[in-house]
Amino acid sequence: MDIIYRPIGIIRSPFKTLSDMPVQPVSDASANGFVEIDPQYQEGLRDVEGFSHLILIYHFHRAQPSKLSVLPFLDTSPRGVFSTRAPSRPNPIGLSIVGLREINKNRLSVTQLDILDETPLIDIKPYVPEFDAHPEAYGGWFERSRGAARKKLSDDRFE
């Protein structure tokens, strides 16, 4: 079975290289930016302004070929790719939760970006606290690195 996705827009951020990009949206280095939706999809943005946050689903367009074991940014031990958020995946799909500042036609102004400039956008979903927030959740091996993502920047290990 072939699965084909086409971008619905592009993400504009100040991060031109991996070396200055944060590894998660919660980072102190995350930034404001824009999401430009192709005009043919603009109608799909109706009612989005009522949400404070959005889930961006995008293509890791500069990721290395897939690896099943990776050395993640927040650990020193190799981990199975499905226990990480590394971009070198069988399907190089990323997701980030960003804050929504405003919408002007087909351009969304967002906060807390951790995404490279010119990243192809696959989809947008609203962040719904009742569905998406799980205070009782446990973060596996990430628990030992709690808070470290706020200070960690990317590097070239996945490019």
Protein backbone atom coordinates (compact mmCIF):
# COMPACT_ATOMS: atom_id res chain seq x y z
CA MET A 1 0.00 0.00 0.00
CA ASP A 2 1.34 3.42 -0.94
CA ILE A 3 0.52 6.33 1.32
CA ILE A 4 1.10 9.76 -0.16
CA TYR A 5 0.80 13.04 1.71
CA ARG A 6 1.11 16.45 0.14
CA PRO A 7 2.08 19.52 2.16
CA ILE A 8 -0.72 21.94 3.01
CA GLY A 9 1.71 24.75 3.74
CA ILE A 10 5.09 25.69 5.08
CA ILE A 11 6.45 26.61 8.50
CA ARG A 12 8.49 29.80 8.78
CA SER A 13 10.83 30.06 11.73
CA PRO A 14 14.06 31.86 12.62
CA PHE A 15 15.89 28.50 12.75
CA LYS A 16 17.92 28.19 9.55
CA THR A 17 20.31 25.51 10.85
CA LEU A 18 19.98 22.65 13.28
CA SER A 19 22.67 24.03 15.57
CA ASP A 20 20.50 26.92 16.80
CA MET A 21 17.18 25.07 16.90
CA PRO A 22 15.65 23.88 20.19
CA VAL A 23 14.84 20.18 20.51
CA GLN A 24 11.32 20.74 21.91
CA PRO A 25 8.75 23.58 21.94
CA VAL A 26 9.10 23.97 25.74
CA SER A 27 12.69 25.15 25.26
CA ASP A 28 13.81 28.55 26.42
CA ALA A 29 15.14 28.95 22.85
CA SER A 30 11.79 28.31 21.15
CA ALA A 31 10.64 31.23 19.04
CA ASN A 32 7.77 32.98 17.36
CA GLY A 33 7.12 32.28 13.71
CA PHE A 34 4.47 31.72 11.10
CA VAL A 35 2.60 28.92 9.46
CA GLU A 36 1.63 29.70 5.88
CA ILE A 37 -1.24 27.59 4.61
CA ASP A 38 -1.66 27.15 0.87
CA PRO A 39 -4.61 29.35 -0.18
CA GLN A 40 -6.61 26.32 -1.36
CA TYR A 41 -6.77 25.15 2.30
CA GLN A 42 -7.59 28.53 3.87
CA GLU A 43 -11.25 27.66 4.42
CA GLY A 44 -10.09 24.82 6.69
CA LEU A 45 -8.80 27.44 9.16
CA ARG A 46 -12.33 28.56 10.02
CA ASP A 47 -12.91 28.38 13.80
CA VAL A 48 -9.22 27.73 14.58
CA GLU A 49 -8.97 31.16 16.26
CA GLY A 50 -10.88 29.80 19.28
CA PHE A 51 -7.94 27.56 20.27
CA SER A 52 -4.95 28.75 22.27
CA HIS A 53 -2.67 25.98 20.97
CA LEU A 54 -2.35 23.88 17.83
CA ILE A 55 -0.67 20.60 17.00
CA LEU A 56 1.48 20.94 13.89
CA ILE A 57 2.24 17.74 12.01
CA TYR A 58 5.12 18.09 9.59
CA HIS A 59 7.72 16.32 7.49
CA PHE A 60 11.32 16.16 8.74
CA HIS A 61 12.63 17.27 5.35
CA ARG A 62 16.30 17.26 6.37
CA ALA A 63 16.44 14.09 8.46
CA GLN A 64 18.94 11.33 7.86
CA PRO A 65 17.68 7.97 6.63
CA SER A 66 15.75 5.93 9.16
CA LYS A 67 17.52 4.28 12.08
CA LEU A 68 15.87 1.91 14.53
CA SER A 69 18.37 2.74 17.29
CA VAL A 70 19.33 6.38 17.92
CA LEU A 71 21.23 8.44 20.46
CA PRO A 72 18.59 10.96 21.53
CA PHE A 73 19.35 14.56 22.43
CA LEU A 74 18.47 14.12 26.10
CA ASP A 75 20.32 10.89 26.86
CA THR A 76 23.71 9.23 26.47
CA SER A 77 22.42 5.71 25.76
CA PRO A 78 21.16 4.46 22.41
CA ARG A 79 17.37 4.03 22.43
CA GLY A 80 14.82 2.43 20.14
CA VAL A 81 13.59 5.13 17.76
CA PHE A 82 9.97 4.60 18.83
CA SER A 83 10.89 5.59 22.41
CA THR A 84 12.31 8.90 21.17
CA ARG A 85 11.28 11.95 19.21
CA ALA A 86 14.29 11.69 16.90
CA PRO A 87 13.66 12.76 13.28
CA SER A 88 15.43 9.75 11.70
CA ARG A 89 12.37 7.50 11.60
CA PRO A 90 10.78 5.03 9.18
CA ASN A 91 8.26 7.80 8.41
CA PRO A 92 9.97 11.14 9.15
CA ILE A 93 6.93 12.84 10.65
CA GLY A 94 7.21 15.40 13.45
CA LEU A 95 4.70 17.06 15.70
CA SER A 96 4.87 20.13 17.87
CA ILE A 97 2.35 21.89 20.05
CA VAL A 98 2.56 25.63 19.43
CA GLY A 99 0.71 28.62 20.79
CA LEU A 100 -1.60 30.47 18.42
CA ARG A 101 -1.26 34.27 18.50
CA GLU A 102 -3.40 35.32 15.55
CA ILE A 103 -4.66 34.40 12.12
CA ASN A 104 -4.48 36.70 9.11
CA LYS A 105 -6.12 35.00 6.13
CA ASN A 106 -3.92 31.96 5.45
CA ARG A 107 -1.07 32.96 7.78
CA LEU A 108 -0.97 31.87 11.41
CA SER A 109 1.28 33.67 13.87
CA VAL A 110 2.52 31.11 16.41
CA THR A 111 4.73 30.86 19.48
CA GLN A 112 6.98 28.12 20.89
CA LEU A 113 8.36 26.93 17.54
CA ASP A 114 11.11 24.30 17.57
CA ILE A 115 11.00 23.64 13.83
CA LEU A 116 13.45 24.40 11.02
CA ASP A 117 12.52 27.17 8.61
CA GLU A 118 10.76 26.01 5.44
CA THR A 119 9.58 22.74 6.96
CA PRO A 120 6.67 21.27 4.96
CA LEU A 121 3.43 21.20 6.95
CA ILE A 122 1.28 18.08 6.61
CA ASP A 123 -1.63 18.89 8.92
CA ILE A 124 -2.92 21.04 11.80
CA LYS A 125 -5.05 19.77 14.65
CA PRO A 126 -6.44 21.75 17.57
CA TYR A 127 -4.92 21.11 20.98
CA VAL A 128 -7.82 20.16 23.25
CA PRO A 129 -6.81 19.96 26.93
CA GLU A 130 -9.52 17.43 27.77
CA PHE A 131 -8.17 15.07 25.08
CA ASP A 132 -4.48 15.90 24.99
CA ALA A 133 -3.37 16.67 28.57
CA HIS A 134 -2.70 13.69 30.80
CA PRO A 135 -1.27 14.85 34.16
CA GLU A 136 -0.90 11.24 35.32
CA ALA A 137 1.28 10.28 32.32
CA TYR A 138 4.78 8.92 32.85
CA GLY A 139 7.66 9.75 30.50
CA GLY A 140 9.73 6.53 30.46
CA TRP A 141 13.48 7.12 30.23
CA PHE A 142 12.79 10.86 29.67
CA GLU A 143 11.94 11.15 33.39
CA ARG A 144 15.68 11.20 34.20
CA SER A 145 16.06 14.22 31.88
CA ARG A 146 13.06 16.18 33.15
CA GLY A 147 13.59 19.88 32.50
CA ALA A 148 16.71 19.35 30.34
CA ALA A 149 14.87 20.12 27.07
CA ARG A 150 14.52 23.76 28.14
CA LYS A 151 18.26 24.29 27.65
CA LYS A 152 19.10 21.77 24.91
CA LEU A 153 19.67 22.79 21.29
CA SER A 154 19.82 20.50 18.30
CA ASP A 155 23.02 19.40 16.58
CA ASP A 156 23.91 17.59 13.36
CA ARG A 157 23.38 14.00 14.56
CA PHE A 158 20.15 13.61 12.55
CA GLU A 159 20.95 15.68 9.48
